[in-house]
Amino acid sequence: MTNKVYVGNLSFDTTEDALKDLFSQAGTVDSVSIIMDKFSGRSKGFAFVEMSSEEEAKKAIETLNGKELDGRNIVVDEAKPMEKKPFKKFSGDRRGFDKKRF
């Protein structure tokens, strides 16, 4: 287990300060990062919170999972490492059509 937790089912209006205030009930919050969509600039509805210790991260998971924040019941779980996805090579033109077929 690490001291980083995943927070899901967030309202698009939830701020990093609101998450920091909520998670400070479980211990010292080192950082909060709401994941944003790079095109729209809007929240993707999840975040990562880094606590100062594993014990505080476990406490946050136990006490805050299912708790209501900004009208949504949030999901709090252990953060898992990001999976590397294989690069897909696409054939054809930019419209997605394969010129050989037409």
PDB file of N, CA and C in Angstrom:
ATOM      1  N   MET A   1       0.854  -1.187   0.000  1.00  0.00           N
ATOM      2  CA  MET A   1       0.000   0.000   0.000  1.00  0.00           C
ATOM      3  C   MET A   1       0.894   1.242   0.000  1.00  0.00           C
ATOM      4  N   THR A   2       0.412   2.260  -0.667  1.00  0.00           N
ATOM      5  CA  THR A   2       1.131   3.528  -0.702  1.00  0.00           C
ATOM      6  C   THR A   2       0.340   4.571   0.079  1.00  0.00           C
ATOM      7  N   ASN A   3       0.859   5.764   0.123  1.00  0.00           N
ATOM      8  CA  ASN A   3       0.144   6.833   0.812  1.00  0.00           C
ATOM      9  C   ASN A   3      -0.686   7.666  -0.157  1.00  0.00           C
ATOM     10  N   LYS A   4      -0.877   7.170  -1.387  1.00  0.00           N
ATOM     11  CA  LYS A   4      -1.655   7.867  -2.400  1.00  0.00           C
ATOM     12  C   LYS A   4      -2.982   7.156  -2.578  1.00  0.00           C
ATOM     13  N   VAL A   5      -4.093   7.923  -2.601  1.00  0.00           N
ATOM     14  CA  VAL A   5      -5.420   7.335  -2.761  1.00  0.00           C
ATOM     15  C   VAL A   5      -6.114   7.921  -3.985  1.00  0.00           C
ATOM     16  N   TYR A   6      -6.958   7.089  -4.579  1.00  0.00           N
ATOM     17  CA  TYR A   6      -7.787   7.463  -5.720  1.00  0.00           C
ATOM     18  C   TYR A   6      -9.124   7.949  -5.175  1.00  0.00           C
ATOM     19  N   VAL A   7      -9.647   9.022  -5.741  1.00  0.00           N
ATOM     20  CA  VAL A   7     -10.953   9.538  -5.352  1.00  0.00           C
ATOM     21  C   VAL A   7     -11.793   9.648  -6.623  1.00  0.00           C
ATOM     22  N   GLY A   8     -12.871   8.892  -6.692  1.00  0.00           N
ATOM     23  CA  GLY A   8     -13.714   8.880  -7.879  1.00  0.00           C
ATOM     24  C   GLY A   8     -15.121   9.352  -7.601  1.00  0.00           C
ATOM     25  N   ASN A   9     -15.901   9.476  -8.684  1.00  0.00           N
ATOM     26  CA  ASN A   9     -17.286   9.932  -8.651  1.00  0.00           C
ATOM     27  C   ASN A   9     -17.404  11.360  -8.120  1.00  0.00           C
ATOM     28  N   LEU A  10     -16.435  12.186  -8.485  1.00  0.00           N
ATOM     29  CA  LEU A  10     -16.459  13.580  -8.048  1.00  0.00           C
ATOM     30  C   LEU A  10     -17.393  14.412  -8.905  1.00  0.00           C
ATOM     31  N   SER A  11     -17.982  15.410  -8.288  1.00  0.00           N
ATOM     32  CA  SER A  11     -18.741  16.408  -9.026  1.00  0.00           C
ATOM     33  C   SER A  11     -17.759  17.224  -9.859  1.00  0.00           C
ATOM     34  N   PHE A  12     -18.195  17.699 -11.012  1.00  0.00           N
ATOM     35  CA  PHE A  12     -17.332  18.541 -11.834  1.00  0.00           C
ATOM     36  C   PHE A  12     -17.025  19.870 -11.152  1.00  0.00           C
ATOM     37  N   ASP A  13     -17.801  20.214 -10.118  1.00  0.00           N
ATOM     38  CA  ASP A  13     -17.606  21.472  -9.398  1.00  0.00           C
ATOM     39  C   ASP A  13     -16.675  21.339  -8.191  1.00  0.00           C
ATOM     40  N   THR A  14     -16.267  20.126  -7.848  1.00  0.00           N
ATOM     41  CA  THR A  14     -15.403  19.915  -6.685  1.00  0.00           C
ATOM     42  C   THR A  14     -14.031  20.542  -6.921  1.00  0.00           C
ATOM     43  N   THR A  15     -13.539  21.245  -5.907  1.00  0.00           N
ATOM     44  CA  THR A  15     -12.240  21.909  -6.012  1.00  0.00           C
ATOM     45  C   THR A  15     -11.183  21.144  -5.209  1.00  0.00           C
ATOM     46  N   GLU A  16      -9.925  21.442  -5.505  1.00  0.00           N
ATOM     47  CA  GLU A  16      -8.829  20.821  -4.757  1.00  0.00           C
ATOM     48  C   GLU A  16      -8.881  21.234  -3.292  1.00  0.00           C
ATOM     49  N   ASP A  17      -9.274  22.489  -3.015  1.00  0.00           N
ATOM     50  CA  ASP A  17      -9.388  22.941  -1.623  1.00  0.00           C
ATOM     51  C   ASP A  17     -10.454  22.159  -0.868  1.00  0.00           C
ATOM     52  N   ALA A  18     -11.588  21.859  -1.527  1.00  0.00           N
ATOM     53  CA  ALA A  18     -12.651  21.085  -0.871  1.00  0.00           C
ATOM     54  C   ALA A  18     -12.166  19.673  -0.547  1.00  0.00           C
ATOM     55  N   LEU A  19     -11.423  19.065  -1.472  1.00  0.00           N
ATOM     56  CA  LEU A  19     -10.874  17.732  -1.206  1.00  0.00           C
ATOM     57  C   LEU A  19      -9.855  17.768  -0.079  1.00  0.00           C
ATOM     58  N   LYS A  20      -9.010  18.792  -0.080  1.00  0.00           N
ATOM     59  CA  LYS A  20      -7.999  18.907   0.975  1.00  0.00           C
ATOM     60  C   LYS A  20      -8.665  19.056   2.339  1.00  0.00           C
ATOM     61  N   ASP A  21      -9.719  19.855   2.416  1.00  0.00           N
ATOM     62  CA  ASP A  21     -10.449  20.030   3.679  1.00  0.00           C
ATOM     63  C   ASP A  21     -11.060  18.712   4.145  1.00  0.00           C
ATOM     64  N   LEU A  22     -11.666  17.973   3.214  1.00  0.00           N
ATOM     65  CA  LEU A  22     -12.303  16.704   3.572  1.00  0.00           C
ATOM     66  C   LEU A  22     -11.272  15.674   4.031  1.00  0.00           C
ATOM     67  N   PHE A  23     -10.187  15.532   3.283  1.00  0.00           N
ATOM     68  CA  PHE A  23      -9.193  14.510   3.603  1.00  0.00           C
ATOM     69  C   PHE A  23      -8.336  14.877   4.814  1.00  0.00           C
ATOM     70  N   SER A  24      -8.321  16.137   5.195  1.00  0.00           N
ATOM     71  CA  SER A  24      -7.575  16.516   6.392  1.00  0.00           C
ATOM     72  C   SER A  24      -8.214  15.938   7.656  1.00  0.00           C
ATOM     73  N   GLN A  25      -9.457  15.454   7.552  1.00  0.00           N
ATOM     74  CA  GLN A  25     -10.099  14.767   8.682  1.00  0.00           C
ATOM     75  C   GLN A  25      -9.387  13.446   8.990  1.00  0.00           C
ATOM     76  N   ALA A  26      -8.720  12.874   7.984  1.00  0.00           N
ATOM     77  CA  ALA A  26      -8.044  11.590   8.153  1.00  0.00           C
ATOM     78  C   ALA A  26      -6.560  11.753   8.456  1.00  0.00           C
ATOM     79  N   GLY A  27      -6.031  12.958   8.315  1.00  0.00           N
ATOM     80  CA  GLY A  27      -4.612  13.181   8.581  1.00  0.00           C
ATOM     81  C   GLY A  27      -4.060  14.320   7.743  1.00  0.00           C
ATOM     82  N   THR A  28      -2.746  14.358   7.624  1.00  0.00           N
ATOM     83  CA  THR A  28      -2.067  15.422   6.896  1.00  0.00           C
ATOM     84  C   THR A  28      -2.088  15.132   5.402  1.00  0.00           C
ATOM     85  N   VAL A  29      -2.580  16.098   4.641  1.00  0.00           N
ATOM     86  CA  VAL A  29      -2.652  15.969   3.182  1.00  0.00           C
ATOM     87  C   VAL A  29      -1.410  16.614   2.587  1.00  0.00           C
ATOM     88  N   ASP A  30      -0.637  15.814   1.821  1.00  0.00           N
ATOM     89  CA  ASP A  30       0.555  16.351   1.164  1.00  0.00           C
ATOM     90  C   ASP A  30       0.216  17.027  -0.153  1.00  0.00           C
ATOM     91  N   SER A  31      -0.669  16.408  -0.947  1.00  0.00           N
ATOM     92  CA  SER A  31      -1.042  17.009  -2.231  1.00  0.00           C
ATOM     93  C   SER A  31      -2.398  16.501  -2.693  1.00  0.00           C
ATOM     94  N   VAL A  32      -3.048  17.312  -3.521  1.00  0.00           N
ATOM     95  CA  VAL A  32      -4.320  16.965  -4.140  1.00  0.00           C
ATOM     96  C   VAL A  32      -4.200  17.294  -5.619  1.00  0.00           C
ATOM     97  N   SER A  33      -4.623  16.360  -6.464  1.00  0.00           N
ATOM     98  CA  SER A  33      -4.549  16.585  -7.901  1.00  0.00           C
ATOM     99  C   SER A  33      -5.833  16.098  -8.565  1.00  0.00           C
ATOM    100  N   ILE A  34      -6.680  17.046  -8.979  1.00  0.00           N
ATOM    101  CA  ILE A  34      -7.876  16.704  -9.736  1.00  0.00           C
ATOM    102  C   ILE A  34      -7.452  16.554 -11.193  1.00  0.00           C
ATOM    103  N   ILE A  35      -7.843  15.457 -11.812  1.00  0.00           N
ATOM    104  CA  ILE A  35      -7.455  15.186 -13.191  1.00  0.00           C
ATOM    105  C   ILE A  35      -8.408  15.930 -14.125  1.00  0.00           C
ATOM    106  N   MET A  36      -7.794  16.726 -15.014  1.00  0.00           N
ATOM    107  CA  MET A  36      -8.570  17.578 -15.917  1.00  0.00           C
ATOM    108  C   MET A  36      -8.484  17.059 -17.352  1.00  0.00           C
ATOM    109  N   ASP A  37      -9.555  17.267 -18.111  1.00  0.00           N
ATOM    110  CA  ASP A  37      -9.563  16.936 -19.526  1.00  0.00           C
ATOM    111  C   ASP A  37      -8.752  17.986 -20.274  1.00  0.00           C
ATOM    112  N   LYS A  38      -7.812  17.540 -21.099  1.00  0.00           N
ATOM    113  CA  LYS A  38      -6.909  18.497 -21.743  1.00  0.00           C
ATOM    114  C   LYS A  38      -7.590  19.322 -22.834  1.00  0.00           C
ATOM    115  N   PHE A  39      -8.710  18.848 -23.362  1.00  0.00           N
ATOM    116  CA  PHE A  39      -9.382  19.590 -24.421  1.00  0.00           C
ATOM    117  C   PHE A  39     -10.414  20.574 -23.876  1.00  0.00           C
ATOM    118  N   SER A  40     -11.237  20.117 -22.937  1.00  0.00           N
ATOM    119  CA  SER A  40     -12.295  20.982 -22.413  1.00  0.00           C
ATOM    120  C   SER A  40     -11.855  21.785 -21.193  1.00  0.00           C
ATOM    121  N   GLY A  41     -10.789  21.323 -20.510  1.00  0.00           N
ATOM    122  CA  GLY A  41     -10.348  21.996 -19.295  1.00  0.00           C
ATOM    123  C   GLY A  41     -11.232  21.696 -18.095  1.00  0.00           C
ATOM    124  N   ARG A  42     -12.163  20.778 -18.250  1.00  0.00           N
ATOM    125  CA  ARG A  42     -13.106  20.417 -17.189  1.00  0.00           C
ATOM    126  C   ARG A  42     -12.608  19.172 -16.461  1.00  0.00           C
ATOM    127  N   SER A  43     -13.007  19.035 -15.221  1.00  0.00           N
ATOM    128  CA  SER A  43     -12.630  17.868 -14.425  1.00  0.00           C
ATOM    129  C   SER A  43     -13.125  16.588 -15.080  1.00  0.00           C
ATOM    130  N   LYS A  44     -12.327  15.524 -14.968  1.00  0.00           N
ATOM    131  CA  LYS A  44     -12.748  14.211 -15.463  1.00  0.00           C
ATOM    132  C   LYS A  44     -13.552  13.451 -14.411  1.00  0.00           C
ATOM    133  N   GLY A  45     -13.697  14.012 -13.219  1.00  0.00           N
ATOM    134  CA  GLY A  45     -14.504  13.377 -12.185  1.00  0.00           C
ATOM    135  C   GLY A  45     -13.726  12.491 -11.241  1.00  0.00           C
ATOM    136  N   PHE A  46     -12.382  12.576 -11.302  1.00  0.00           N
ATOM    137  CA  PHE A  46     -11.596  11.820 -10.326  1.00  0.00           C
ATOM    138  C   PHE A  46     -10.330  12.587  -9.987  1.00  0.00           C
ATOM    139  N   ALA A  47      -9.723  12.164  -8.868  1.00  0.00           N
ATOM    140  CA  ALA A  47      -8.532  12.867  -8.368  1.00  0.00           C
ATOM    141  C   ALA A  47      -7.649  11.884  -7.617  1.00  0.00           C
ATOM    142  N   PHE A  48      -6.460  12.368  -7.285  1.00  0.00           N
ATOM    143  CA  PHE A  48      -5.543  11.617  -6.437  1.00  0.00           C
ATOM    144  C   PHE A  48      -5.155  12.508  -5.266  1.00  0.00           C
ATOM    145  N   VAL A  49      -5.174  11.914  -4.073  1.00  0.00           N
ATOM    146  CA  VAL A  49      -4.803  12.631  -2.865  1.00  0.00           C
ATOM    147  C   VAL A  49      -3.639  11.883  -2.233  1.00  0.00           C
ATOM    148  N   GLU A  50      -2.592  12.606  -1.917  1.00  0.00           N
ATOM    149  CA  GLU A  50      -1.430  11.994  -1.275  1.00  0.00           C
ATOM    150  C   GLU A  50      -1.417  12.404   0.193  1.00  0.00           C
ATOM    151  N   MET A  51      -1.472  11.388   1.059  1.00  0.00           N
ATOM    152  CA  MET A  51      -1.433  11.608   2.491  1.00  0.00           C
ATOM    153  C   MET A  51       0.020  11.497   2.963  1.00  0.00           C
ATOM    154  N   SER A  52       0.292  11.930   4.196  1.00  0.00           N
ATOM    155  CA  SER A  52       1.677  11.924   4.667  1.00  0.00           C
ATOM    156  C   SER A  52       2.175  10.538   5.094  1.00  0.00           C
ATOM    157  N   SER A  53       1.257   9.583   5.313  1.00  0.00           N
ATOM    158  CA  SER A  53       1.679   8.228   5.696  1.00  0.00           C
ATOM    159  C   SER A  53       0.682   7.194   5.186  1.00  0.00           C
ATOM    160  N   GLU A  54       1.117   5.939   5.161  1.00  0.00           N
ATOM    161  CA  GLU A  54       0.236   4.851   4.754  1.00  0.00           C
ATOM    162  C   GLU A  54      -0.935   4.691   5.711  1.00  0.00           C
ATOM    163  N   GLU A  55      -0.677   4.879   6.998  1.00  0.00           N
ATOM    164  CA  GLU A  55      -1.739   4.747   8.007  1.00  0.00           C
ATOM    165  C   GLU A  55      -2.840   5.772   7.772  1.00  0.00           C
ATOM    166  N   GLU A  56      -2.437   6.997   7.439  1.00  0.00           N
ATOM    167  CA  GLU A  56      -3.430   8.044   7.170  1.00  0.00           C
ATOM    168  C   GLU A  56      -4.189   7.755   5.877  1.00  0.00           C
ATOM    169  N   ALA A  57      -3.515   7.170   4.901  1.00  0.00           N
ATOM    170  CA  ALA A  57      -4.183   6.795   3.652  1.00  0.00           C
ATOM    171  C   ALA A  57      -5.224   5.711   3.917  1.00  0.00           C
ATOM    172  N   LYS A  58      -4.865   4.712   4.728  1.00  0.00           N
ATOM    173  CA  LYS A  58      -5.819   3.655   5.089  1.00  0.00           C
ATOM    174  C   LYS A  58      -7.007   4.234   5.839  1.00  0.00           C
ATOM    175  N   LYS A  59      -6.746   5.155   6.751  1.00  0.00           N
ATOM    176  CA  LYS A  59      -7.820   5.792   7.512  1.00  0.00           C
ATOM    177  C   LYS A  59      -8.740   6.578   6.582  1.00  0.00           C
ATOM    178  N   ALA A  60      -8.167   7.262   5.596  1.00  0.00           N
ATOM    179  CA  ALA A  60      -8.974   8.025   4.640  1.00  0.00           C
ATOM    180  C   ALA A  60      -9.884   7.094   3.843  1.00  0.00           C
ATOM    181  N   ILE A  61      -9.352   5.954   3.414  1.00  0.00           N
ATOM    182  CA  ILE A  61     -10.148   4.988   2.660  1.00  0.00           C
ATOM    183  C   ILE A  61     -11.294   4.466   3.510  1.00  0.00           C
ATOM    184  N   GLU A  62     -10.988   4.097   4.753  1.00  0.00           N
ATOM    185  CA  GLU A  62     -11.999   3.525   5.648  1.00  0.00           C
ATOM    186  C   GLU A  62     -13.084   4.531   6.023  1.00  0.00           C
ATOM    187  N   THR A  63     -12.696   5.774   6.280  1.00  0.00           N
ATOM    188  CA  THR A  63     -13.668   6.744   6.794  1.00  0.00           C
ATOM    189  C   THR A  63     -14.366   7.572   5.717  1.00  0.00           C
ATOM    190  N   LEU A  64     -13.750   7.739   4.550  1.00  0.00           N
ATOM    191  CA  LEU A  64     -14.316   8.649   3.562  1.00  0.00           C
ATOM    192  C   LEU A  64     -14.968   7.957   2.361  1.00  0.00           C
ATOM    193  N   ASN A  65     -14.725   6.670   2.165  1.00  0.00           N
ATOM    194  CA  ASN A  65     -15.343   5.964   1.047  1.00  0.00           C
ATOM    195  C   ASN A  65     -16.861   5.968   1.214  1.00  0.00           C
ATOM    196  N   GLY A  66     -17.581   6.452   0.198  1.00  0.00           N
ATOM    197  CA  GLY A  66     -19.040   6.519   0.247  1.00  0.00           C
ATOM    198  C   GLY A  66     -19.584   7.804   0.845  1.00  0.00           C
ATOM    199  N   LYS A  67     -18.713   8.652   1.354  1.00  0.00           N
ATOM    200  CA  LYS A  67     -19.135   9.915   1.962  1.00  0.00           C
ATOM    201  C   LYS A  67     -19.615  10.879   0.875  1.00  0.00           C
ATOM    202  N   GLU A  68     -20.564  11.734   1.215  1.00  0.00           N
ATOM    203  CA  GLU A  68     -21.097  12.693   0.253  1.00  0.00           C
ATOM    204  C   GLU A  68     -20.241  13.950   0.201  1.00  0.00           C
ATOM    205  N   LEU A  69     -19.941  14.381  -1.027  1.00  0.00           N
ATOM    206  CA  LEU A  69     -19.201  15.621  -1.267  1.00  0.00           C
ATOM    207  C   LEU A  69     -19.797  16.278  -2.499  1.00  0.00           C
ATOM    208  N   ASP A  70     -20.256  17.495  -2.351  1.00  0.00           N
ATOM    209  CA  ASP A  70     -20.865  18.256  -3.449  1.00  0.00           C
ATOM    210  C   ASP A  70     -21.996  17.484  -4.135  1.00  0.00           C
ATOM    211  N   GLY A  71     -22.803  16.798  -3.329  1.00  0.00           N
ATOM    212  CA  GLY A  71     -23.973  16.090  -3.851  1.00  0.00           C
ATOM    213  C   GLY A  71     -23.692  14.727  -4.462  1.00  0.00           C
ATOM    214  N   ARG A  72     -22.462  14.229  -4.365  1.00  0.00           N
ATOM    215  CA  ARG A  72     -22.103  12.921  -4.923  1.00  0.00           C
ATOM    216  C   ARG A  72     -21.475  12.061  -3.828  1.00  0.00           C
ATOM    217  N   ASN A  73     -21.753  10.760  -3.861  1.00  0.00           N
ATOM    218  CA  ASN A  73     -21.098   9.827  -2.951  1.00  0.00           C
ATOM    219  C   ASN A  73     -19.768   9.428  -3.582  1.00  0.00           C
ATOM    220  N   ILE A  74     -18.688   9.868  -2.962  1.00  0.00           N
ATOM    221  CA  ILE A  74     -17.362   9.651  -3.549  1.00  0.00           C
ATOM    222  C   ILE A  74     -16.863   8.229  -3.293  1.00  0.00           C
ATOM    223  N   VAL A  75     -15.988   7.778  -4.165  1.00  0.00           N
ATOM    224  CA  VAL A  75     -15.319   6.480  -4.035  1.00  0.00           C
ATOM    225  C   VAL A  75     -13.874   6.767  -3.661  1.00  0.00           C
ATOM    226  N   VAL A  76     -13.419   6.179  -2.562  1.00  0.00           N
ATOM    227  CA  VAL A  76     -12.036   6.359  -2.117  1.00  0.00           C
ATOM    228  C   VAL A  76     -11.400   4.983  -2.031  1.00  0.00           C
ATOM    229  N   ASP A  77     -10.281   4.816  -2.744  1.00  0.00           N
ATOM    230  CA  ASP A  77      -9.628   3.512  -2.808  1.00  0.00           C
ATOM    231  C   ASP A  77      -8.125   3.725  -2.960  1.00  0.00           C
ATOM    232  N   GLU A  78      -7.382   2.659  -2.794  1.00  0.00           N
ATOM    233  CA  GLU A  78      -5.938   2.715  -2.982  1.00  0.00           C
ATOM    234  C   GLU A  78      -5.628   3.053  -4.441  1.00  0.00           C
ATOM    235  N   ALA A  79      -4.708   3.977  -4.655  1.00  0.00           N
ATOM    236  CA  ALA A  79      -4.299   4.326  -6.015  1.00  0.00           C
ATOM    237  C   ALA A  79      -3.442   3.205  -6.578  1.00  0.00           C
ATOM    238  N   LYS A  80      -3.750   2.821  -7.796  1.00  0.00           N
ATOM    239  CA  LYS A  80      -2.988   1.764  -8.465  1.00  0.00           C
ATOM    240  C   LYS A  80      -2.114   2.403  -9.542  1.00  0.00           C
ATOM    241  N   PRO A  81      -0.961   1.813  -9.828  1.00  0.00           N
ATOM    242  CA  PRO A  81      -0.097   2.381 -10.865  1.00  0.00           C
ATOM    243  C   PRO A  81      -0.786   2.375 -12.227  1.00  0.00           C
ATOM    244  N   MET A  82      -0.495   3.387 -13.020  1.00  0.00           N
ATOM    245  CA  MET A  82      -1.094   3.495 -14.342  1.00  0.00           C
ATOM    246  C   MET A  82      -0.557   2.381 -15.241  1.00  0.00           C
ATOM    247  N   GLU A  83      -1.461   1.712 -15.941  1.00  0.00           N
ATOM    248  CA  GLU A  83      -1.062   0.643 -16.848  1.00  0.00           C
ATOM    249  C   GLU A  83      -0.551   1.252 -18.145  1.00  0.00           C
ATOM    250  N   LYS A  84       0.518   0.685 -18.647  1.00  0.00           N
ATOM    251  CA  LYS A  84       1.028   1.135 -19.944  1.00  0.00           C
ATOM    252  C   LYS A  84       0.194   0.479 -21.026  1.00  0.00           C
ATOM    253  N   LYS A  85      -0.381   1.304 -21.875  1.00  0.00           N
ATOM    254  CA  LYS A  85      -1.185   0.794 -22.976  1.00  0.00           C
ATOM    255  C   LYS A  85      -0.328   0.746 -24.227  1.00  0.00           C
ATOM    256  N   PRO A  86      -0.458  -0.318 -24.987  1.00  0.00           N
ATOM    257  CA  PRO A  86       0.358  -0.411 -26.204  1.00  0.00           C
ATOM    258  C   PRO A  86      -0.069   0.644 -27.221  1.00  0.00           C
ATOM    259  N   PHE A  87       0.897   1.138 -27.952  1.00  0.00           N
ATOM    260  CA  PHE A  87       0.632   2.125 -28.982  1.00  0.00           C
ATOM    261  C   PHE A  87      -0.033   1.434 -30.157  1.00  0.00           C
ATOM    262  N   LYS A  88      -1.171   1.978 -30.596  1.00  0.00           N
ATOM    263  CA  LYS A  88      -1.880   1.397 -31.737  1.00  0.00           C
ATOM    264  C   LYS A  88      -1.504   2.161 -32.988  1.00  0.00           C
ATOM    265  N   LYS A  89      -1.144   1.415 -33.989  1.00  0.00           N
ATOM    266  CA  LYS A  89      -0.828   2.036 -35.271  1.00  0.00           C
ATOM    267  C   LYS A  89      -2.038   1.874 -36.173  1.00  0.00           C
ATOM    268  N   PHE A  90      -2.518   2.966 -36.690  1.00  0.00           N
ATOM    269  CA  PHE A  90      -3.686   2.948 -37.550  1.00  0.00           C
ATOM    270  C   PHE A  90      -3.264   3.052 -39.003  1.00  0.00           C
ATOM    271  N   SER A  91      -3.944   2.284 -39.839  1.00  0.00           N
ATOM    272  CA  SER A  91      -3.663   2.396 -41.269  1.00  0.00           C
ATOM    273  C   SER A  91      -4.779   3.211 -41.909  1.00  0.00           C
ATOM    274  N   GLY A  92      -4.535   3.672 -43.088  1.00  0.00           N
ATOM    275  CA  GLY A  92      -5.547   4.443 -43.797  1.00  0.00           C
ATOM    276  C   GLY A  92      -5.331   5.926 -43.607  1.00  0.00           C
ATOM    277  N   ASP A  93      -6.264   6.691 -44.120  1.00  0.00           N
ATOM    278  CA  ASP A  93      -6.128   8.142 -44.022  1.00  0.00           C
ATOM    279  C   ASP A  93      -6.706   8.646 -42.704  1.00  0.00           C
ATOM    280  N   ARG A  94      -6.714   9.940 -42.521  1.00  0.00           N
ATOM    281  CA  ARG A  94      -7.134  10.524 -41.251  1.00  0.00           C
ATOM    282  C   ARG A  94      -8.614  10.331 -40.969  1.00  0.00           C
ATOM    283  N   ARG A  95      -9.408  10.049 -41.995  1.00  0.00           N
ATOM    284  CA  ARG A  95     -10.839   9.851 -41.780  1.00  0.00           C
ATOM    285  C   ARG A  95     -11.155   8.449 -41.292  1.00  0.00           C
ATOM    286  N   GLY A  96     -10.144   7.597 -41.224  1.00  0.00           N
ATOM    287  CA  GLY A  96     -10.363   6.246 -40.728  1.00  0.00           C
ATOM    288  C   GLY A  96     -10.653   5.232 -41.825  1.00  0.00           C
ATOM    289  N   PHE A  97     -10.602   5.668 -43.096  1.00  0.00           N
ATOM    290  CA  PHE A  97     -10.872   4.746 -44.192  1.00  0.00           C
ATOM    291  C   PHE A  97      -9.567   4.187 -44.740  1.00  0.00           C
ATOM    292  N   ASP A  98      -9.592   2.948 -45.079  1.00  0.00           N
ATOM    293  CA  ASP A  98      -8.440   2.315 -45.708  1.00  0.00           C
ATOM    294  C   ASP A  98      -8.603   2.483 -47.210  1.00  0.00           C
ATOM    295  N   LYS A  99      -7.687   3.163 -47.837  1.00  0.00           N
ATOM    296  CA  LYS A  99      -7.799   3.474 -49.276  1.00  0.00           C
ATOM    297  C   LYS A  99      -7.840   2.214 -50.131  1.00  0.00           C
ATOM    298  N   LYS A 100      -7.277   1.124 -49.658  1.00  0.00           N
ATOM    299  CA  LYS A 100      -7.252  -0.113 -50.437  1.00  0.00           C
ATOM    300  C   LYS A 100      -8.656  -0.700 -50.583  1.00  0.00           C
ATOM    301  N   ARG A 101      -9.525  -0.409 -49.675  1.00  0.00           N
ATOM    302  CA  ARG A 101     -10.867  -1.001 -49.690  1.00  0.00           C
ATOM    303  C   ARG A 101     -11.802  -0.274 -50.635  1.00  0.00           C
ATOM    304  N   PHE A 102     -11.524   0.971 -50.965  1.00  0.00           N
ATOM    305  CA  PHE A 102     -12.482   1.748 -51.778  1.00  0.00           C
ATOM    306  C   PHE A 102     -11.932   2.113 -53.126  1.00  0.00           C
TER     307      PHE A 102
END
